[in-house]
Amino acid sequence: MLSNTRTSNIEPVREGAAPSRRALLRTAVAGTAAAGSVLALGSSFPASAATSGAAVRPTTPQQALRELEAGNRRWRTHRQEHPHESPATRLRLTTAQHPFAIVLGCVDSRVPPELVFDQGLGDLLTVRSAGEVLDEAVLGSIAYGVLELAVPLVLVLGHQSCGAVKAAVHAEETGERLPAHIQYLADQIRPSIDHAQQGDARVSATIDANARRTRDRLAAEPDLARAISAGKLAVAAARYDLRDQRVRTLG
């Protein structure tokens, strides 16, 4: 489920004025190539914005969540539309991008957000790190999407059988030191370990707790918190199950 975030208004560069550093960054990342808490579902929105004549971009957290749910329904019922891949779309996206959701997911090869939610080019801003672990690069990437691209929804997507969570649980239980930078991942996940459970149940519960904790940490970031307070952003946590390919929001 979701919790609510401000989006900054971006002033255009005046003609003849030197472009600001922020404008240059926006141009580079957005592809304007100079060289060549809990959110309830209440808003009415097309079941699939992807197939409506002119592309309709969700502009509210509720609409964005609705579109992700519709896409996941298509995915798990084998009715994918593979939207927004046409030559016209590719050409249009050379000048700007307007993604409607940021998905922070795991690096696991079985959970690619664009497939899981049946979305296409320009629809999602995806950020991936093992176990959805936050660091400055991840935080900066998400902040860019919210503050510069006015994305209304951030979804933290955990998943069944997460190897990073399994490693963190194993390391804590055995005291074993993990190799190289993998220990960093385990250290970041450790506060989410559910000690009320045992065995596979502990791993499963920790997957959910880790997604919720990451959601709460993001929602507490000052810039994102202001957008939530203004009703312009929601930060949600969800879990993807490999067996039935369903995404379920976490309260």
Foldseek 3Di string as FASTA:
>chain_A
DKFFFDAADDDDDDPPDDDDPVRVVQCVVFQQDPVVVDDDQDDDDDQAQLPPPPRDADQAQNRLVSLQQSQLVCLLVVNADLGQPDPVSVVVSNRGAQAQEEEEEEPDPLCDSCRNSNHYPRHYHYHYHQLSFDDPVRLVSVCCCCHVNLHAEYEYEFEPPRPLLVVLVVCVVVVDQDDDCSNVSSVRLNVLQDPVDDDSVRSVSSSQSSQVVSQVVSCPPVNGVHGRVVNSHMYWYWYAYPVSSHIDTDD
